[in-house]
Amino acid sequence: MHDARWFEEAGLPACALISSGFIPQARYQAQILDAINVPQVFVPHPISDQTKAQMYEKANASFDQVYDAITTTWI
């Protein structure tokens, strides 16, 4: 959330890409960082023990959401 907020404040479109295992924490951080308008895309958890093929699958599945988040009007 910190990085996505920083980029958004700098006028660059950003999207926080977050493991779904951390949804409550990400939403809380967005609130305390005054970044509730920064787009968040949640990728199915887990991440750390996935194979390269599994990570490509997760990336492909979330691509459209990330693309939409960074190509639409931002903060």
N, C-alpha and C. Protein backbone atom coordinates (compact mmCIF):
# COMPACT_ATOMS: atom_id res chain seq x y z
N MET A 1 0.81 -1.18 0.00
CA MET A 1 0.00 0.00 0.00
C MET A 1 0.86 1.25 0.00
N HIS A 2 1.98 1.20 0.73
CA HIS A 2 2.84 2.38 0.79
C HIS A 2 3.33 2.78 -0.60
N ASP A 3 3.83 1.82 -1.35
CA ASP A 3 4.37 2.13 -2.67
C ASP A 3 3.29 2.61 -3.62
N ALA A 4 2.15 1.93 -3.64
CA ALA A 4 1.07 2.33 -4.53
C ALA A 4 0.60 3.75 -4.19
N ARG A 5 0.50 4.05 -2.92
CA ARG A 5 0.10 5.40 -2.49
C ARG A 5 1.13 6.43 -2.95
N TRP A 6 2.40 6.11 -2.79
CA TRP A 6 3.46 7.03 -3.20
C TRP A 6 3.37 7.33 -4.69
N PHE A 7 3.21 6.29 -5.51
CA PHE A 7 3.11 6.50 -6.95
C PHE A 7 1.88 7.32 -7.30
N GLU A 8 0.76 7.02 -6.70
CA GLU A 8 -0.47 7.78 -6.95
C GLU A 8 -0.28 9.25 -6.57
N GLU A 9 0.35 9.51 -5.44
CA GLU A 9 0.59 10.89 -5.03
C GLU A 9 1.53 11.61 -5.98
N ALA A 10 2.42 10.86 -6.61
CA ALA A 10 3.35 11.44 -7.58
C ALA A 10 2.70 11.63 -8.95
N GLY A 11 1.42 11.28 -9.05
CA GLY A 11 0.70 11.45 -10.30
C GLY A 11 0.84 10.31 -11.28
N LEU A 12 1.34 9.18 -10.79
CA LEU A 12 1.52 8.00 -11.63
C LEU A 12 0.47 6.96 -11.27
N PRO A 13 -0.19 6.39 -12.24
CA PRO A 13 -1.19 5.37 -11.91
C PRO A 13 -0.54 4.17 -11.25
N ALA A 14 -1.20 3.65 -10.24
CA ALA A 14 -0.66 2.51 -9.50
C ALA A 14 -1.78 1.60 -9.05
N CYS A 15 -1.40 0.43 -8.68
CA CYS A 15 -2.34 -0.56 -8.18
C CYS A 15 -1.59 -1.42 -7.16
N ALA A 16 -2.19 -1.60 -6.01
CA ALA A 16 -1.59 -2.48 -5.01
C ALA A 16 -2.02 -3.91 -5.33
N LEU A 17 -1.07 -4.77 -5.59
CA LEU A 17 -1.31 -6.17 -5.89
C LEU A 17 -1.02 -6.95 -4.63
N ILE A 18 -2.06 -7.57 -4.05
CA ILE A 18 -1.96 -8.10 -2.69
C ILE A 18 -2.48 -9.53 -2.65
N SER A 19 -1.81 -10.37 -1.89
CA SER A 19 -2.28 -11.73 -1.67
C SER A 19 -3.60 -11.69 -0.90
N SER A 20 -4.54 -12.50 -1.32
CA SER A 20 -5.87 -12.50 -0.69
C SER A 20 -5.82 -12.89 0.78
N GLY A 21 -4.74 -13.46 1.22
CA GLY A 21 -4.59 -13.79 2.63
C GLY A 21 -4.41 -12.56 3.51
N PHE A 22 -4.23 -11.40 2.88
CA PHE A 22 -3.97 -10.17 3.62
C PHE A 22 -5.01 -9.08 3.34
N ILE A 23 -6.21 -9.47 2.95
CA ILE A 23 -7.26 -8.50 2.64
C ILE A 23 -7.55 -7.56 3.81
N PRO A 24 -7.79 -8.09 5.02
CA PRO A 24 -8.10 -7.16 6.12
C PRO A 24 -6.95 -6.18 6.41
N GLN A 25 -5.73 -6.67 6.36
CA GLN A 25 -4.58 -5.81 6.63
C GLN A 25 -4.42 -4.74 5.54
N ALA A 26 -4.64 -5.11 4.30
CA ALA A 26 -4.51 -4.16 3.20
C ALA A 26 -5.57 -3.07 3.31
N ARG A 27 -6.77 -3.44 3.63
CA ARG A 27 -7.84 -2.44 3.76
C ARG A 27 -7.57 -1.52 4.95
N TYR A 28 -7.04 -2.08 6.03
CA TYR A 28 -6.71 -1.27 7.20
C TYR A 28 -5.59 -0.28 6.85
N GLN A 29 -4.54 -0.78 6.19
CA GLN A 29 -3.44 0.10 5.81
C GLN A 29 -3.92 1.21 4.88
N ALA A 30 -4.80 0.86 3.95
CA ALA A 30 -5.33 1.88 3.05
C ALA A 30 -6.02 2.99 3.83
N GLN A 31 -6.73 2.62 4.87
CA GLN A 31 -7.42 3.63 5.69
C GLN A 31 -6.42 4.51 6.43
N ILE A 32 -5.46 3.88 7.10
CA ILE A 32 -4.54 4.68 7.91
C ILE A 32 -3.56 5.49 7.07
N LEU A 33 -3.34 5.07 5.82
CA LEU A 33 -2.45 5.81 4.93
C LEU A 33 -3.21 6.83 4.07
N ASP A 34 -4.50 6.97 4.32
CA ASP A 34 -5.34 7.84 3.51
C ASP A 34 -5.21 7.47 2.03
N ALA A 35 -5.32 6.18 1.77
CA ALA A 35 -5.15 5.66 0.41
C ALA A 35 -6.34 4.79 0.01
N ILE A 36 -7.51 5.12 0.49
CA ILE A 36 -8.67 4.26 0.20
C ILE A 36 -9.06 4.29 -1.27
N ASN A 37 -8.59 5.30 -2.01
CA ASN A 37 -8.90 5.37 -3.44
C ASN A 37 -7.83 4.72 -4.31
N VAL A 38 -6.78 4.22 -3.70
CA VAL A 38 -5.75 3.51 -4.46
C VAL A 38 -6.30 2.12 -4.79
N PRO A 39 -6.33 1.76 -6.06
CA PRO A 39 -6.89 0.45 -6.42
C PRO A 39 -6.12 -0.70 -5.78
N GLN A 40 -6.87 -1.71 -5.40
CA GLN A 40 -6.28 -2.93 -4.84
C GLN A 40 -6.78 -4.12 -5.66
N VAL A 41 -5.88 -4.99 -6.03
CA VAL A 41 -6.23 -6.23 -6.70
C VAL A 41 -5.69 -7.35 -5.84
N PHE A 42 -6.57 -8.30 -5.52
CA PHE A 42 -6.19 -9.40 -4.64
C PHE A 42 -5.96 -10.67 -5.46
N VAL A 43 -4.78 -11.24 -5.26
CA VAL A 43 -4.37 -12.46 -5.94
C VAL A 43 -4.60 -13.62 -4.98
N PRO A 44 -5.11 -14.75 -5.48
CA PRO A 44 -5.36 -15.88 -4.58
C PRO A 44 -4.13 -16.28 -3.77
N HIS A 45 -4.35 -16.45 -2.49
CA HIS A 45 -3.32 -16.88 -1.55
C HIS A 45 -3.20 -18.40 -1.67
N PRO A 46 -2.05 -19.00 -1.51
CA PRO A 46 -0.76 -18.46 -1.12
C PRO A 46 0.05 -17.99 -2.33
N ILE A 47 1.16 -17.34 -2.02
CA ILE A 47 2.07 -16.84 -3.05
C ILE A 47 3.45 -17.50 -2.91
N SER A 48 3.99 -17.50 -1.71
CA SER A 48 5.41 -17.84 -1.52
C SER A 48 5.80 -19.26 -1.93
N ASP A 49 4.89 -20.21 -1.87
CA ASP A 49 5.29 -21.59 -2.18
C ASP A 49 4.83 -22.04 -3.57
N GLN A 50 4.46 -21.10 -4.40
CA GLN A 50 3.93 -21.44 -5.72
C GLN A 50 5.05 -21.67 -6.73
N THR A 51 4.76 -22.53 -7.69
CA THR A 51 5.71 -22.76 -8.77
C THR A 51 5.65 -21.59 -9.75
N LYS A 52 6.60 -21.55 -10.64
CA LYS A 52 6.60 -20.50 -11.66
C LYS A 52 5.31 -20.57 -12.48
N ALA A 53 4.89 -21.76 -12.85
CA ALA A 53 3.66 -21.92 -13.64
C ALA A 53 2.44 -21.44 -12.86
N GLN A 54 2.38 -21.73 -11.58
CA GLN A 54 1.26 -21.26 -10.76
C GLN A 54 1.25 -19.74 -10.64
N MET A 55 2.42 -19.15 -10.54
CA MET A 55 2.50 -17.69 -10.46
C MET A 55 2.08 -17.05 -11.78
N TYR A 56 2.48 -17.63 -12.90
CA TYR A 56 2.03 -17.13 -14.19
C TYR A 56 0.52 -17.20 -14.30
N GLU A 57 -0.06 -18.30 -13.82
CA GLU A 57 -1.51 -18.46 -13.84
C GLU A 57 -2.20 -17.37 -13.02
N LYS A 58 -1.66 -17.10 -11.84
CA LYS A 58 -2.23 -16.05 -10.98
C LYS A 58 -2.07 -14.68 -11.63
N ALA A 59 -0.92 -14.44 -12.23
CA ALA A 59 -0.69 -13.16 -12.90
C ALA A 59 -1.65 -12.98 -14.07
N ASN A 60 -1.81 -14.02 -14.86
CA ASN A 60 -2.72 -13.94 -16.00
C ASN A 60 -4.16 -13.71 -15.54
N ALA A 61 -4.55 -14.34 -14.46
CA ALA A 61 -5.91 -14.21 -13.96
C ALA A 61 -6.20 -12.81 -13.44
N SER A 62 -5.18 -12.11 -12.95
CA SER A 62 -5.39 -10.77 -12.38
C SER A 62 -5.04 -9.65 -13.35
N PHE A 63 -4.50 -9.98 -14.50
CA PHE A 63 -4.01 -8.96 -15.43
C PHE A 63 -5.07 -7.92 -15.79
N ASP A 64 -6.26 -8.36 -16.16
CA ASP A 64 -7.29 -7.42 -16.59
C ASP A 64 -7.66 -6.44 -15.48
N GLN A 65 -7.73 -6.92 -14.25
CA GLN A 65 -8.06 -6.03 -13.14
C GLN A 65 -6.95 -4.99 -12.94
N VAL A 66 -5.71 -5.42 -13.00
CA VAL A 66 -4.59 -4.50 -12.83
C VAL A 66 -4.56 -3.49 -13.97
N TYR A 67 -4.73 -3.97 -15.18
CA TYR A 67 -4.74 -3.08 -16.34
C TYR A 67 -5.83 -2.03 -16.21
N ASP A 68 -7.03 -2.46 -15.86
CA ASP A 68 -8.13 -1.52 -15.66
C ASP A 68 -7.80 -0.50 -14.58
N ALA A 69 -7.19 -0.95 -13.51
CA ALA A 69 -6.88 -0.07 -12.38
C ALA A 69 -5.88 1.02 -12.76
N ILE A 70 -4.93 0.70 -13.62
CA ILE A 70 -3.91 1.70 -13.94
C ILE A 70 -4.19 2.48 -15.21
N THR A 71 -5.25 2.12 -15.92
CA THR A 71 -5.56 2.86 -17.14
C THR A 71 -6.84 3.67 -17.03
N THR A 72 -7.49 3.62 -15.90
CA THR A 72 -8.67 4.45 -15.69
C THR A 72 -8.25 5.69 -14.90
N THR A 73 -9.15 6.63 -14.78
CA THR A 73 -8.84 7.86 -14.06
C THR A 73 -8.45 7.51 -12.63
N TRP A 74 -7.37 8.09 -12.19
CA TRP A 74 -6.90 7.84 -10.83
C TRP A 74 -6.98 9.11 -10.01
N ILE A 75 -6.53 9.02 -8.79
CA ILE A 75 -6.59 10.11 -7.82
C ILE A 75 -5.93 11.36 -8.36
